[in-house]
Amino acid sequence: MIQSCNTFTAELPQFSANVPETVAVLKERRQELGKIEATRHNVRDIIGKIVWQSTGQDRFRGGRQVVSQLTGSAVRMILVMVLVAMPSVLLLDVSVDTQQMVSLVALFLGLLTFVEYNATYPSLVEFRDAPPFNRVRYLMLLATVFSLSMISRGKVQPSTMTDFIEAVGRLIGVAMDFPYSPVRLATLMLSSDATAEQIGAIRTAAGMAYLISLISLSIFVVLMKAGHWPRRDQAFNVWINLPTFDPTTGSDVVMRLTRDARINIALGFLLPFLTPAVVKIASAGFEPLTLDSPQTLIWTMTAWAFLPASLFMRGIAMGRIADMISETRIANQLAEDGKRFMHA
């Protein structure tokens, strides 16, 4: 009995000592579970922050790209409207009806430019994402319209600038006025009873416009040869920059681009010679072309010089694209041949 009591009393402390150990183990397990849950919460918070930051950055970049495209489209719209309205602003003897008509045309062309550059998919404007092709063309058009407008303004209100521009245009016009030259053929667009003053005005305007077109064409060729067009750090998308050209139809795309380039260059060379003949034939049976209105003179001579230079630039650009595609094909073929050689 005593032994049993002693045994009981001896085992009782041992049993009581196991209880704290079990409680301690449970506490440790709970602490570990708490640490695990805290770690899970931390990981979830970190992942959530990373996802939120990446989503926020993507949204910020997308929003900034949309704002940049919208701003660029608005700036181009304003520039086009300024170009169209420039003769009416610089000339002095412009009627109210003419100003209203010019404002309407400027607004229409400005909205067309805004929609074209703000749209995701192109429709009409070529080389939209290949600067500075369209920038050079716009500057050429702007310089031509401004110069011819200042020459016409100088006849009513002369100044130092108008006299200088007219002197340059007269010098170039006289220098290029030889038989079968574009300037001589431009003067033949007038009627047979045109005065010497009208012929001189056409010669001066033609000389100035032709000089600006040649300078702009030279600038574009220099930029292209210097490696600034198209840019090496950006991919060239044929569909976006040539929306009217379908590379999936017809024969090989390089052959088609080369053919179109040659056609554009040929038309650019022949158009200054063909335009006076077409105008002369078209005016048969109608009132001959007089170009008495300053705005008619400005826009006629601008189109006469701008269209051939634009076709020249388009032909040179398409030829450059064809060369780039050929170089890419050769590089890819060499890479494939190298891989085959290494595997062999």
C-alpha atoms as a PDB file:
ATOM      1  CA  MET A   1       0.000   0.000   0.000  1.00  0.00           C
ATOM      2  CA  ILE A   2       2.772   2.352   0.881  1.00  0.00           C
ATOM      3  CA  GLN A   3       4.650   1.252  -2.154  1.00  0.00           C
ATOM      4  CA  SER A   4       1.675   1.875  -4.305  1.00  0.00           C
ATOM      5  CA  CYS A   5       1.241   5.252  -2.738  1.00  0.00           C
ATOM      6  CA  ASN A   6       4.874   6.006  -3.215  1.00  0.00           C
ATOM      7  CA  THR A   7       4.625   4.838  -6.752  1.00  0.00           C
ATOM      8  CA  PHE A   8       1.593   6.988  -7.283  1.00  0.00           C
ATOM      9  CA  THR A   9       3.259   9.939  -5.679  1.00  0.00           C
ATOM     10  CA  ALA A  10       6.371   9.305  -7.746  1.00  0.00           C
ATOM     11  CA  GLU A  11       4.452   9.087 -11.011  1.00  0.00           C
ATOM     12  CA  LEU A  12       2.285  12.050 -10.275  1.00  0.00           C
ATOM     13  CA  PRO A  13       5.093  14.577 -10.632  1.00  0.00           C
ATOM     14  CA  GLN A  14       6.155  12.907 -13.880  1.00  0.00           C
ATOM     15  CA  PHE A  15       2.645  13.233 -15.281  1.00  0.00           C
ATOM     16  CA  SER A  16       2.485  16.840 -14.221  1.00  0.00           C
ATOM     17  CA  ALA A  17       5.822  17.476 -15.917  1.00  0.00           C
ATOM     18  CA  ASN A  18       4.535  16.114 -19.263  1.00  0.00           C
ATOM     19  CA  VAL A  19       1.646  18.524 -19.284  1.00  0.00           C
ATOM     20  CA  PRO A  20       3.782  21.660 -19.597  1.00  0.00           C
ATOM     21  CA  GLU A  21       5.854  20.000 -22.303  1.00  0.00           C
ATOM     22  CA  THR A  22       2.725  19.241 -24.294  1.00  0.00           C
ATOM     23  CA  VAL A  23       1.465  22.768 -23.791  1.00  0.00           C
ATOM     24  CA  ALA A  24       4.842  24.120 -24.837  1.00  0.00           C
ATOM     25  CA  VAL A  25       4.808  21.982 -27.948  1.00  0.00           C
ATOM     26  CA  LEU A  26       1.324  23.184 -28.791  1.00  0.00           C
ATOM     27  CA  LYS A  27       2.409  26.770 -28.228  1.00  0.00           C
ATOM     28  CA  GLU A  28       5.423  26.290 -30.491  1.00  0.00           C
ATOM     29  CA  ARG A  29       3.238  24.755 -33.169  1.00  0.00           C
ATOM     30  CA  ARG A  30       0.786  27.622 -32.875  1.00  0.00           C
ATOM     31  CA  GLN A  31       3.646  30.083 -33.114  1.00  0.00           C
ATOM     32  CA  GLU A  32       4.973  28.293 -36.173  1.00  0.00           C
ATOM     33  CA  LEU A  33       1.496  28.306 -37.714  1.00  0.00           C
ATOM     34  CA  GLY A  34       1.220  31.975 -36.905  1.00  0.00           C
ATOM     35  CA  LYS A  35       4.577  32.625 -38.533  1.00  0.00           C
ATOM     36  CA  ILE A  36       3.500  30.634 -41.586  1.00  0.00           C
ATOM     37  CA  GLU A  37       0.234  32.553 -41.838  1.00  0.00           C
ATOM     38  CA  ALA A  38       2.088  35.833 -41.400  1.00  0.00           C
ATOM     39  CA  THR A  39       4.547  34.793 -44.112  1.00  0.00           C
ATOM     40  CA  ARG A  40       1.635  33.891 -46.384  1.00  0.00           C
ATOM     41  CA  HIS A  41       0.015  37.240 -45.761  1.00  0.00           C
ATOM     42  CA  ASN A  42       3.305  39.004 -46.456  1.00  0.00           C
ATOM     43  CA  VAL A  43       3.793  37.050 -49.662  1.00  0.00           C
ATOM     44  CA  ARG A  44       0.235  37.850 -50.723  1.00  0.00           C
ATOM     45  CA  ASP A  45       0.779  41.521 -49.954  1.00  0.00           C
ATOM     46  CA  ILE A  46       4.045  41.553 -51.899  1.00  0.00           C
ATOM     47  CA  ILE A  47       2.518  39.763 -54.883  1.00  0.00           C
ATOM     48  CA  GLY A  48      -0.479  42.063 -54.764  1.00  0.00           C
ATOM     49  CA  LYS A  49       1.757  45.111 -54.672  1.00  0.00           C
ATOM     50  CA  ILE A  50       3.846  43.791 -57.596  1.00  0.00           C
ATOM     51  CA  VAL A  51       0.756  43.031 -59.678  1.00  0.00           C
ATOM     52  CA  TRP A  52      -0.767  46.405 -58.815  1.00  0.00           C
ATOM     53  CA  GLN A  53       2.475  48.204 -59.648  1.00  0.00           C
ATOM     54  CA  SER A  54       2.872  46.359 -62.984  1.00  0.00           C
ATOM     55  CA  THR A  55      -0.776  46.978 -63.852  1.00  0.00           C
ATOM     56  CA  GLY A  56      -0.470  50.598 -62.836  1.00  0.00           C
ATOM     57  CA  GLN A  57       2.705  51.011 -64.891  1.00  0.00           C
ATOM     58  CA  ASP A  58       1.065  49.416 -67.928  1.00  0.00           C
ATOM     59  CA  ARG A  59      -1.949  51.656 -67.539  1.00  0.00           C
ATOM     60  CA  PHE A  60       0.296  54.691 -67.109  1.00  0.00           C
ATOM     61  CA  ARG A  61       2.308  53.805 -70.201  1.00  0.00           C
ATOM     62  CA  GLY A  62      -0.828  53.150 -72.215  1.00  0.00           C
ATOM     63  CA  GLY A  63      -2.379  56.401 -71.055  1.00  0.00           C
ATOM     64  CA  ARG A  64       0.775  58.336 -71.830  1.00  0.00           C
ATOM     65  CA  GLN A  65       0.922  56.790 -75.298  1.00  0.00           C
ATOM     66  CA  VAL A  66      -2.709  57.731 -75.946  1.00  0.00           C
ATOM     67  CA  VAL A  67      -2.093  61.295 -74.767  1.00  0.00           C
ATOM     68  CA  SER A  68       1.064  61.538 -76.897  1.00  0.00           C
ATOM     69  CA  GLN A  69      -0.757  60.291 -80.003  1.00  0.00           C
ATOM     70  CA  LEU A  70      -3.665  62.646 -79.366  1.00  0.00           C
ATOM     71  CA  THR A  71      -1.325  65.604 -78.870  1.00  0.00           C
ATOM     72  CA  GLY A  72       0.635  64.793 -82.017  1.00  0.00           C
ATOM     73  CA  SER A  73      -2.567  64.520 -84.043  1.00  0.00           C
ATOM     74  CA  ALA A  74      -3.788  67.872 -82.720  1.00  0.00           C
ATOM     75  CA  VAL A  75      -0.474  69.562 -83.540  1.00  0.00           C
ATOM     76  CA  ARG A  76      -0.530  68.158 -87.077  1.00  0.00           C
ATOM     77  CA  MET A  77      -4.120  69.348 -87.509  1.00  0.00           C
ATOM     78  CA  ILE A  78      -3.123  72.887 -86.505  1.00  0.00           C
ATOM     79  CA  LEU A  79      -0.111  72.848 -88.840  1.00  0.00           C
ATOM     80  CA  VAL A  80      -2.236  71.755 -91.801  1.00  0.00           C
ATOM     81  CA  MET A  81      -4.810  74.446 -91.064  1.00  0.00           C
ATOM     82  CA  VAL A  82      -2.055  77.075 -90.857  1.00  0.00           C
ATOM     83  CA  LEU A  83      -0.682  75.921 -94.213  1.00  0.00           C
ATOM     84  CA  VAL A  84      -4.028  76.131 -95.978  1.00  0.00           C
ATOM     85  CA  ALA A  85      -4.952  79.507 -94.473  1.00  0.00           C
ATOM     86  CA  MET A  86      -1.518  81.106 -94.997  1.00  0.00           C
ATOM     87  CA  PRO A  87      -2.163  82.759 -98.412  1.00  0.00           C
ATOM     88  CA  SER A  88      -5.407  84.289 -97.177  1.00  0.00           C
ATOM     89  CA  VAL A  89      -3.630  85.679 -94.113  1.00  0.00           C
ATOM     90  CA  LEU A  90      -0.578  87.063 -95.901  1.00  0.00           C
ATOM     91  CA  LEU A  91      -2.369  88.537 -98.899  1.00  0.00           C
ATOM     92  CA  LEU A  92      -4.038  91.913 -98.438  1.00  0.00           C
ATOM     93  CA  ASP A  93      -6.775  92.044-101.060  1.00  0.00           C
ATOM     94  CA  VAL A  94      -8.766  88.945-100.043  1.00  0.00           C
ATOM     95  CA  SER A  95     -12.547  89.092 -99.945  1.00  0.00           C
ATOM     96  CA  VAL A  96     -14.650  87.891 -97.029  1.00  0.00           C
ATOM     97  CA  ASP A  97     -16.215  85.097 -99.089  1.00  0.00           C
ATOM     98  CA  THR A  98     -12.776  83.802-100.034  1.00  0.00           C
ATOM     99  CA  GLN A  99     -11.661  83.831 -96.407  1.00  0.00           C
ATOM    100  CA  GLN A 100     -14.731  81.873 -95.336  1.00  0.00           C
ATOM    101  CA  MET A 101     -14.216  79.307 -98.084  1.00  0.00           C
ATOM    102  CA  VAL A 102     -10.543  78.919 -97.189  1.00  0.00           C
ATOM    103  CA  SER A 103     -11.433  78.517 -93.517  1.00  0.00           C
ATOM    104  CA  LEU A 104     -13.889  75.756 -94.375  1.00  0.00           C
ATOM    105  CA  VAL A 105     -11.315  73.913 -96.495  1.00  0.00           C
ATOM    106  CA  ALA A 106      -8.657  74.328 -93.789  1.00  0.00           C
ATOM    107  CA  LEU A 107     -11.008  72.939 -91.150  1.00  0.00           C
ATOM    108  CA  PHE A 108     -11.907  69.949 -93.312  1.00  0.00           C
ATOM    109  CA  LEU A 109      -8.283  69.084 -94.100  1.00  0.00           C
ATOM    110  CA  GLY A 110      -7.275  69.612 -90.473  1.00  0.00           C
ATOM    111  CA  LEU A 111      -9.966  67.234 -89.210  1.00  0.00           C
ATOM    112  CA  LEU A 112      -8.980  64.690 -91.855  1.00  0.00           C
ATOM    113  CA  THR A 113      -5.365  64.875 -90.692  1.00  0.00           C
ATOM    114  CA  PHE A 114      -6.393  64.568 -87.039  1.00  0.00           C
ATOM    115  CA  VAL A 115      -8.533  61.488 -87.670  1.00  0.00           C
ATOM    116  CA  GLU A 116      -5.851  59.863 -89.822  1.00  0.00           C
ATOM    117  CA  TYR A 117      -3.019  60.286 -87.319  1.00  0.00           C
ATOM    118  CA  ASN A 118      -5.168  59.515 -84.280  1.00  0.00           C
ATOM    119  CA  ALA A 119      -6.565  56.282 -85.727  1.00  0.00           C
ATOM    120  CA  THR A 120      -4.973  52.940 -84.890  1.00  0.00           C
ATOM    121  CA  TYR A 121      -5.210  51.625 -88.435  1.00  0.00           C
ATOM    122  CA  PRO A 122      -4.038  53.805 -91.360  1.00  0.00           C
ATOM    123  CA  SER A 123      -6.144  54.546 -94.421  1.00  0.00           C
ATOM    124  CA  LEU A 124      -4.604  57.158 -96.748  1.00  0.00           C
ATOM    125  CA  VAL A 125      -1.496  58.841 -95.355  1.00  0.00           C
ATOM    126  CA  GLU A 126       1.671  56.985 -96.302  1.00  0.00           C
ATOM    127  CA  PHE A 127       4.822  56.698 -94.168  1.00  0.00           C
ATOM    128  CA  ARG A 128       2.887  57.765 -91.081  1.00  0.00           C
ATOM    129  CA  ASP A 129       5.331  56.115 -88.687  1.00  0.00           C
ATOM    130  CA  ALA A 130       8.507  56.732 -90.686  1.00  0.00           C
ATOM    131  CA  PRO A 131       9.716  60.252 -89.903  1.00  0.00           C
ATOM    132  CA  PRO A 132      10.998  62.546 -91.295  1.00  0.00           C
ATOM    133  CA  PHE A 133       9.449  61.651 -94.678  1.00  0.00           C
ATOM    134  CA  ASN A 134       6.178  63.514 -94.209  1.00  0.00           C
ATOM    135  CA  ARG A 135       7.911  66.265 -92.264  1.00  0.00           C
ATOM    136  CA  VAL A 136      10.194  67.040 -95.179  1.00  0.00           C
ATOM    137  CA  ARG A 137       7.211  67.095 -97.535  1.00  0.00           C
ATOM    138  CA  TYR A 138       5.266  69.388 -95.227  1.00  0.00           C
ATOM    139  CA  LEU A 139       8.184  71.785 -94.846  1.00  0.00           C
ATOM    140  CA  MET A 140       8.615  71.827 -98.620  1.00  0.00           C
ATOM    141  CA  LEU A 141       4.936  72.637 -99.080  1.00  0.00           C
ATOM    142  CA  LEU A 142       5.023  75.270 -96.335  1.00  0.00           C
ATOM    143  CA  ALA A 143       8.133  76.979 -97.734  1.00  0.00           C
ATOM    144  CA  THR A 144       6.659  77.040-101.243  1.00  0.00           C
ATOM    145  CA  VAL A 145       3.318  78.502-100.154  1.00  0.00           C
ATOM    146  CA  PHE A 146       5.006  81.056 -97.907  1.00  0.00           C
ATOM    147  CA  SER A 147       7.484  82.185-100.584  1.00  0.00           C
ATOM    148  CA  LEU A 148       4.858  82.555-103.299  1.00  0.00           C
ATOM    149  CA  SER A 149       2.519  84.342-100.889  1.00  0.00           C
ATOM    150  CA  MET A 150       5.255  86.812 -99.967  1.00  0.00           C
ATOM    151  CA  ILE A 151       6.007  87.436-103.649  1.00  0.00           C
ATOM    152  CA  SER A 152       2.329  88.210-104.286  1.00  0.00           C
ATOM    153  CA  ARG A 153       2.178  90.374-101.168  1.00  0.00           C
ATOM    154  CA  GLY A 154       5.199  92.360-102.347  1.00  0.00           C
ATOM    155  CA  LYS A 155       3.271  93.581-105.385  1.00  0.00           C
ATOM    156  CA  VAL A 156       0.838  95.411-103.090  1.00  0.00           C
ATOM    157  CA  GLN A 157       2.961  96.128-100.006  1.00  0.00           C
ATOM    158  CA  PRO A 158       6.663  95.627-100.742  1.00  0.00           C
ATOM    159  CA  SER A 159       9.201  95.036 -97.994  1.00  0.00           C
ATOM    160  CA  THR A 160      12.763  93.839 -97.654  1.00  0.00           C
ATOM    161  CA  MET A 161      11.715  90.206 -97.309  1.00  0.00           C
ATOM    162  CA  THR A 162       9.320  90.281-100.262  1.00  0.00           C
ATOM    163  CA  ASP A 163      11.923  91.970-102.451  1.00  0.00           C
ATOM    164  CA  PHE A 164      14.564  89.402-101.500  1.00  0.00           C
ATOM    165  CA  ILE A 165      12.310  86.400-102.173  1.00  0.00           C
ATOM    166  CA  GLU A 166      11.173  87.868-105.486  1.00  0.00           C
ATOM    167  CA  ALA A 167      14.774  88.567-106.517  1.00  0.00           C
ATOM    168  CA  VAL A 168      15.775  84.956-105.782  1.00  0.00           C
ATOM    169  CA  GLY A 169      12.769  83.611-107.674  1.00  0.00           C
ATOM    170  CA  ARG A 170      13.393  85.889-110.650  1.00  0.00           C
ATOM    171  CA  LEU A 171      17.074  84.880-110.763  1.00  0.00           C
ATOM    172  CA  ILE A 172      16.282  81.149-110.710  1.00  0.00           C
ATOM    173  CA  GLY A 173      13.423  81.593-113.178  1.00  0.00           C
ATOM    174  CA  VAL A 174      15.595  83.450-115.703  1.00  0.00           C
ATOM    175  CA  ALA A 175      18.430  80.920-115.266  1.00  0.00           C
ATOM    176  CA  MET A 176      16.079  77.997-115.937  1.00  0.00           C
ATOM    177  CA  ASP A 177      14.150  79.665-118.748  1.00  0.00           C
ATOM    178  CA  PHE A 178      15.653  77.826-121.694  1.00  0.00           C
ATOM    179  CA  PRO A 179      13.916  75.800-124.427  1.00  0.00           C
ATOM    180  CA  TYR A 180      12.057  72.685-123.203  1.00  0.00           C
ATOM    181  CA  SER A 181      12.842  73.433-119.548  1.00  0.00           C
ATOM    182  CA  PRO A 182      10.101  73.052-116.924  1.00  0.00           C
ATOM    183  CA  VAL A 183      10.047  76.811-116.332  1.00  0.00           C
ATOM    184  CA  ARG A 184       9.675  77.567-120.043  1.00  0.00           C
ATOM    185  CA  LEU A 185       6.891  74.997-120.331  1.00  0.00           C
ATOM    186  CA  ALA A 186       5.164  76.513-117.270  1.00  0.00           C
ATOM    187  CA  THR A 187       5.012  79.901-119.008  1.00  0.00           C
ATOM    188  CA  LEU A 188       3.418  78.219-122.027  1.00  0.00           C
ATOM    189  CA  MET A 189       0.381  77.349-119.897  1.00  0.00           C
ATOM    190  CA  LEU A 190      -0.758  80.959-120.229  1.00  0.00           C
ATOM    191  CA  SER A 191      -2.883  82.224-123.077  1.00  0.00           C
ATOM    192  CA  SER A 192      -1.275  83.597-126.194  1.00  0.00           C
ATOM    193  CA  ASP A 193      -2.326  87.166-125.368  1.00  0.00           C
ATOM    194  CA  ALA A 194      -0.728  87.147-121.888  1.00  0.00           C
ATOM    195  CA  THR A 195       1.228  90.245-120.991  1.00  0.00           C
ATOM    196  CA  ALA A 196       4.930  90.344-120.220  1.00  0.00           C
ATOM    197  CA  GLU A 197       4.112  91.052-116.580  1.00  0.00           C
ATOM    198  CA  GLN A 198       2.024  87.885-116.292  1.00  0.00           C
ATOM    199  CA  ILE A 199       4.722  85.796-117.959  1.00  0.00           C
ATOM    200  CA  GLY A 200       7.323  87.267-115.614  1.00  0.00           C
ATOM    201  CA  ALA A 201       5.167  86.481-112.586  1.00  0.00           C
ATOM    202  CA  ILE A 202       4.778  82.859-113.731  1.00  0.00           C
ATOM    203  CA  ARG A 203       8.510  82.579-114.390  1.00  0.00           C
ATOM    204  CA  THR A 204       9.397  83.961-110.949  1.00  0.00           C
ATOM    205  CA  ALA A 205       6.903  81.721-109.136  1.00  0.00           C
ATOM    206  CA  ALA A 206       7.996  78.652-111.093  1.00  0.00           C
ATOM    207  CA  GLY A 207      11.667  79.321-110.408  1.00  0.00           C
ATOM    208  CA  MET A 208      11.100  79.776-106.677  1.00  0.00           C
ATOM    209  CA  ALA A 209       8.871  76.710-106.348  1.00  0.00           C
ATOM    210  CA  TYR A 210      11.235  74.544-108.378  1.00  0.00           C
ATOM    211  CA  LEU A 211      14.220  75.646-106.291  1.00  0.00           C
ATOM    212  CA  ILE A 212      12.452  74.761-103.019  1.00  0.00           C
ATOM    213  CA  SER A 213      11.423  71.350-104.371  1.00  0.00           C
ATOM    214  CA  LEU A 214      14.985  70.534-105.451  1.00  0.00           C
ATOM    215  CA  ILE A 215      16.394  71.587-102.066  1.00  0.00           C
ATOM    216  CA  SER A 216      13.812  69.494-100.194  1.00  0.00           C
ATOM    217  CA  LEU A 217      14.497  66.469-102.368  1.00  0.00           C
ATOM    218  CA  SER A 218      18.228  66.837-101.755  1.00  0.00           C
ATOM    219  CA  ILE A 219      17.673  67.071 -97.987  1.00  0.00           C
ATOM    220  CA  PHE A 220      15.647  63.857 -97.980  1.00  0.00           C
ATOM    221  CA  VAL A 221      18.259  61.995-100.020  1.00  0.00           C
ATOM    222  CA  VAL A 222      21.014  63.170 -97.667  1.00  0.00           C
ATOM    223  CA  LEU A 223      19.024  62.059 -94.609  1.00  0.00           C
ATOM    224  CA  MET A 224      18.368  58.668 -96.158  1.00  0.00           C
ATOM    225  CA  LYS A 225      21.998  58.139 -97.160  1.00  0.00           C
ATOM    226  CA  ALA A 226      23.159  59.226 -93.698  1.00  0.00           C
ATOM    227  CA  GLY A 227      21.112  56.415 -92.169  1.00  0.00           C
ATOM    228  CA  HIS A 228      18.394  58.534 -90.554  1.00  0.00           C
ATOM    229  CA  TRP A 229      15.607  57.041 -92.683  1.00  0.00           C
ATOM    230  CA  PRO A 230      14.178  54.690 -91.795  1.00  0.00           C
ATOM    231  CA  ARG A 231      15.444  54.679 -88.241  1.00  0.00           C
ATOM    232  CA  ARG A 232      17.558  51.716 -87.237  1.00  0.00           C
ATOM    233  CA  ASP A 233      16.192  51.592 -83.673  1.00  0.00           C
ATOM    234  CA  GLN A 234      12.570  51.118 -84.784  1.00  0.00           C
ATOM    235  CA  ALA A 235      10.843  48.354 -86.705  1.00  0.00           C
ATOM    236  CA  PHE A 236       9.448  49.331 -90.097  1.00  0.00           C
ATOM    237  CA  ASN A 237       5.852  48.204 -90.612  1.00  0.00           C
ATOM    238  CA  VAL A 238       5.056  48.012 -94.326  1.00  0.00           C
ATOM    239  CA  TRP A 239       1.294  47.868 -93.792  1.00  0.00           C
ATOM    240  CA  ILE A 240       1.125  50.989 -91.577  1.00  0.00           C
ATOM    241  CA  ASN A 241       3.512  53.048 -93.715  1.00  0.00           C
ATOM    242  CA  LEU A 242       2.109  51.857 -97.056  1.00  0.00           C
ATOM    243  CA  PRO A 243      -1.629  51.336 -96.405  1.00  0.00           C
ATOM    244  CA  THR A 244      -2.518  51.295-100.118  1.00  0.00           C
ATOM    245  CA  PHE A 245       0.119  48.660-100.899  1.00  0.00           C
ATOM    246  CA  ASP A 246      -0.912  45.042-100.332  1.00  0.00           C
ATOM    247  CA  PRO A 247       2.207  42.868 -99.964  1.00  0.00           C
ATOM    248  CA  THR A 248       0.199  39.600 -99.993  1.00  0.00           C
ATOM    249  CA  THR A 249      -1.099  39.883-103.550  1.00  0.00           C
ATOM    250  CA  GLY A 250       0.696  39.627-106.860  1.00  0.00           C
ATOM    251  CA  SER A 251       4.271  38.599-107.387  1.00  0.00           C
ATOM    252  CA  ASP A 252       7.226  38.961-105.047  1.00  0.00           C
ATOM    253  CA  VAL A 253       6.999  42.000-102.781  1.00  0.00           C
ATOM    254  CA  VAL A 254      10.537  43.146-103.608  1.00  0.00           C
ATOM    255  CA  MET A 255       9.842  43.083-107.326  1.00  0.00           C
ATOM    256  CA  ARG A 256       6.591  45.006-106.872  1.00  0.00           C
ATOM    257  CA  LEU A 257       8.220  47.630-104.653  1.00  0.00           C
ATOM    258  CA  THR A 258      11.065  48.050-107.134  1.00  0.00           C
ATOM    259  CA  ARG A 259       8.622  48.382-110.026  1.00  0.00           C
ATOM    260  CA  ASP A 260       6.487  50.952-108.180  1.00  0.00           C
ATOM    261  CA  ALA A 261       9.606  52.882-107.208  1.00  0.00           C
ATOM    262  CA  ARG A 262      10.717  53.143-110.827  1.00  0.00           C
ATOM    263  CA  ILE A 263       7.228  54.205-111.939  1.00  0.00           C
ATOM    264  CA  ASN A 264       7.082  56.953-109.295  1.00  0.00           C
ATOM    265  CA  ILE A 265      10.540  58.255-110.191  1.00  0.00           C
ATOM    266  CA  ALA A 266       9.649  58.293-113.884  1.00  0.00           C
ATOM    267  CA  LEU A 267       6.395  60.150-113.210  1.00  0.00           C
ATOM    268  CA  GLY A 268       8.211  62.623-110.972  1.00  0.00           C
ATOM    269  CA  PHE A 269      10.664  63.358-113.755  1.00  0.00           C
ATOM    270  CA  LEU A 270       8.037  63.661-116.506  1.00  0.00           C
ATOM    271  CA  LEU A 271       5.279  65.473-114.608  1.00  0.00           C
ATOM    272  CA  PRO A 272       6.765  69.003-114.874  1.00  0.00           C
ATOM    273  CA  PHE A 273       6.920  68.503-118.639  1.00  0.00           C
ATOM    274  CA  LEU A 274       3.525  66.818-118.977  1.00  0.00           C
ATOM    275  CA  THR A 275       1.493  69.206-116.801  1.00  0.00           C
ATOM    276  CA  PRO A 276       1.701  72.245-119.127  1.00  0.00           C
ATOM    277  CA  ALA A 277       0.773  70.088-122.112  1.00  0.00           C
ATOM    278  CA  VAL A 278      -2.185  68.578-120.233  1.00  0.00           C
ATOM    279  CA  VAL A 279      -3.350  72.041-119.140  1.00  0.00           C
ATOM    280  CA  LYS A 280      -3.015  73.350-122.677  1.00  0.00           C
ATOM    281  CA  ILE A 281      -5.007  70.451-124.118  1.00  0.00           C
ATOM    282  CA  ALA A 282      -7.630  70.615-121.370  1.00  0.00           C
ATOM    283  CA  SER A 283      -8.168  74.345-121.899  1.00  0.00           C
ATOM    284  CA  ALA A 284      -8.895  73.875-125.611  1.00  0.00           C
ATOM    285  CA  GLY A 285     -12.377  75.240-126.279  1.00  0.00           C
ATOM    286  CA  PHE A 286     -12.493  76.974-122.879  1.00  0.00           C
ATOM    287  CA  GLU A 287     -11.192  80.248-121.543  1.00  0.00           C
ATOM    288  CA  PRO A 288      -7.370  80.124-121.505  1.00  0.00           C
ATOM    289  CA  LEU A 289      -5.542  80.040-118.194  1.00  0.00           C
ATOM    290  CA  THR A 290      -4.672  83.532-116.999  1.00  0.00           C
ATOM    291  CA  LEU A 291      -3.731  83.056-113.308  1.00  0.00           C
ATOM    292  CA  ASP A 292      -4.793  86.596-112.515  1.00  0.00           C
ATOM    293  CA  SER A 293      -5.843  85.696-108.966  1.00  0.00           C
ATOM    294  CA  PRO A 294      -2.892  85.556-106.555  1.00  0.00           C
ATOM    295  CA  GLN A 295      -4.268  82.515-104.727  1.00  0.00           C
ATOM    296  CA  THR A 296      -4.827  80.654-107.998  1.00  0.00           C
ATOM    297  CA  LEU A 297      -1.238  81.404-108.981  1.00  0.00           C
ATOM    298  CA  ILE A 298       0.101  80.294-105.595  1.00  0.00           C
ATOM    299  CA  TRP A 299      -1.710  76.965-105.438  1.00  0.00           C
ATOM    300  CA  THR A 300      -1.200  76.146-109.125  1.00  0.00           C
ATOM    301  CA  MET A 301       2.554  76.661-109.017  1.00  0.00           C
ATOM    302  CA  THR A 302       2.786  74.918-105.630  1.00  0.00           C
ATOM    303  CA  ALA A 303       1.075  71.832-107.020  1.00  0.00           C
ATOM    304  CA  TRP A 304       3.206  72.020-110.180  1.00  0.00           C
ATOM    305  CA  ALA A 305       6.419  71.823-108.110  1.00  0.00           C
ATOM    306  CA  PHE A 306       5.251  69.752-105.146  1.00  0.00           C
ATOM    307  CA  LEU A 307       3.707  66.761-106.927  1.00  0.00           C
ATOM    308  CA  PRO A 308       6.803  65.790-108.958  1.00  0.00           C
ATOM    309  CA  ALA A 309       9.101  66.158-105.949  1.00  0.00           C
ATOM    310  CA  SER A 310       6.680  64.124-103.814  1.00  0.00           C
ATOM    311  CA  LEU A 311       6.615  61.354-106.417  1.00  0.00           C
ATOM    312  CA  PHE A 312      10.409  61.399-106.536  1.00  0.00           C
ATOM    313  CA  MET A 313      10.574  61.026-102.754  1.00  0.00           C
ATOM    314  CA  ARG A 314       7.996  58.237-102.754  1.00  0.00           C
ATOM    315  CA  GLY A 315       9.895  56.334-105.436  1.00  0.00           C
ATOM    316  CA  ILE A 316      13.196  56.692-103.589  1.00  0.00           C
ATOM    317  CA  ALA A 317      11.556  55.588-100.334  1.00  0.00           C
ATOM    318  CA  MET A 318       9.955  52.507-101.887  1.00  0.00           C
ATOM    319  CA  GLY A 319      13.260  51.556-103.455  1.00  0.00           C
ATOM    320  CA  ARG A 320      14.906  51.867-100.062  1.00  0.00           C
ATOM    321  CA  ILE A 321      12.264  49.598 -98.496  1.00  0.00           C
ATOM    322  CA  ALA A 322      12.815  47.012-101.226  1.00  0.00           C
ATOM    323  CA  ASP A 323      16.552  47.052-100.491  1.00  0.00           C
ATOM    324  CA  MET A 324      15.881  46.608 -96.760  1.00  0.00           C
ATOM    325  CA  ILE A 325      13.651  43.584 -97.372  1.00  0.00           C
ATOM    326  CA  SER A 326      16.303  42.055 -99.653  1.00  0.00           C
ATOM    327  CA  GLU A 327      19.008  42.614 -97.022  1.00  0.00           C
ATOM    328  CA  THR A 328      16.813  41.018 -94.349  1.00  0.00           C
ATOM    329  CA  ARG A 329      16.179  37.989 -96.535  1.00  0.00           C
ATOM    330  CA  ILE A 330      19.887  37.550 -97.231  1.00  0.00           C
ATOM    331  CA  ALA A 331      20.711  37.830 -93.518  1.00  0.00           C
ATOM    332  CA  ASN A 332      18.053  35.264 -92.594  1.00  0.00           C
ATOM    333  CA  GLN A 333      19.263  32.896 -95.297  1.00  0.00           C
ATOM    334  CA  LEU A 334      22.847  33.186 -94.070  1.00  0.00           C
ATOM    335  CA  ALA A 335      21.693  32.508 -90.498  1.00  0.00           C
ATOM    336  CA  GLU A 336      19.805  29.383 -91.591  1.00  0.00           C
ATOM    337  CA  ASP A 337      22.780  28.145 -93.593  1.00  0.00           C
ATOM    338  CA  GLY A 338      24.991  28.677 -90.539  1.00  0.00           C
ATOM    339  CA  LYS A 339      22.624  26.647 -88.320  1.00  0.00           C
ATOM    340  CA  ARG A 340      22.521  23.819 -90.853  1.00  0.00           C
ATOM    341  CA  PHE A 341      26.302  23.809 -91.060  1.00  0.00           C
ATOM    342  CA  MET A 342      26.631  23.658 -87.259  1.00  0.00           C
ATOM    343  CA  HIS A 343      24.158  20.765 -86.995  1.00  0.00           C
ATOM    344  CA  ALA A 344      25.878  18.906 -89.811  1.00  0.00           C
END
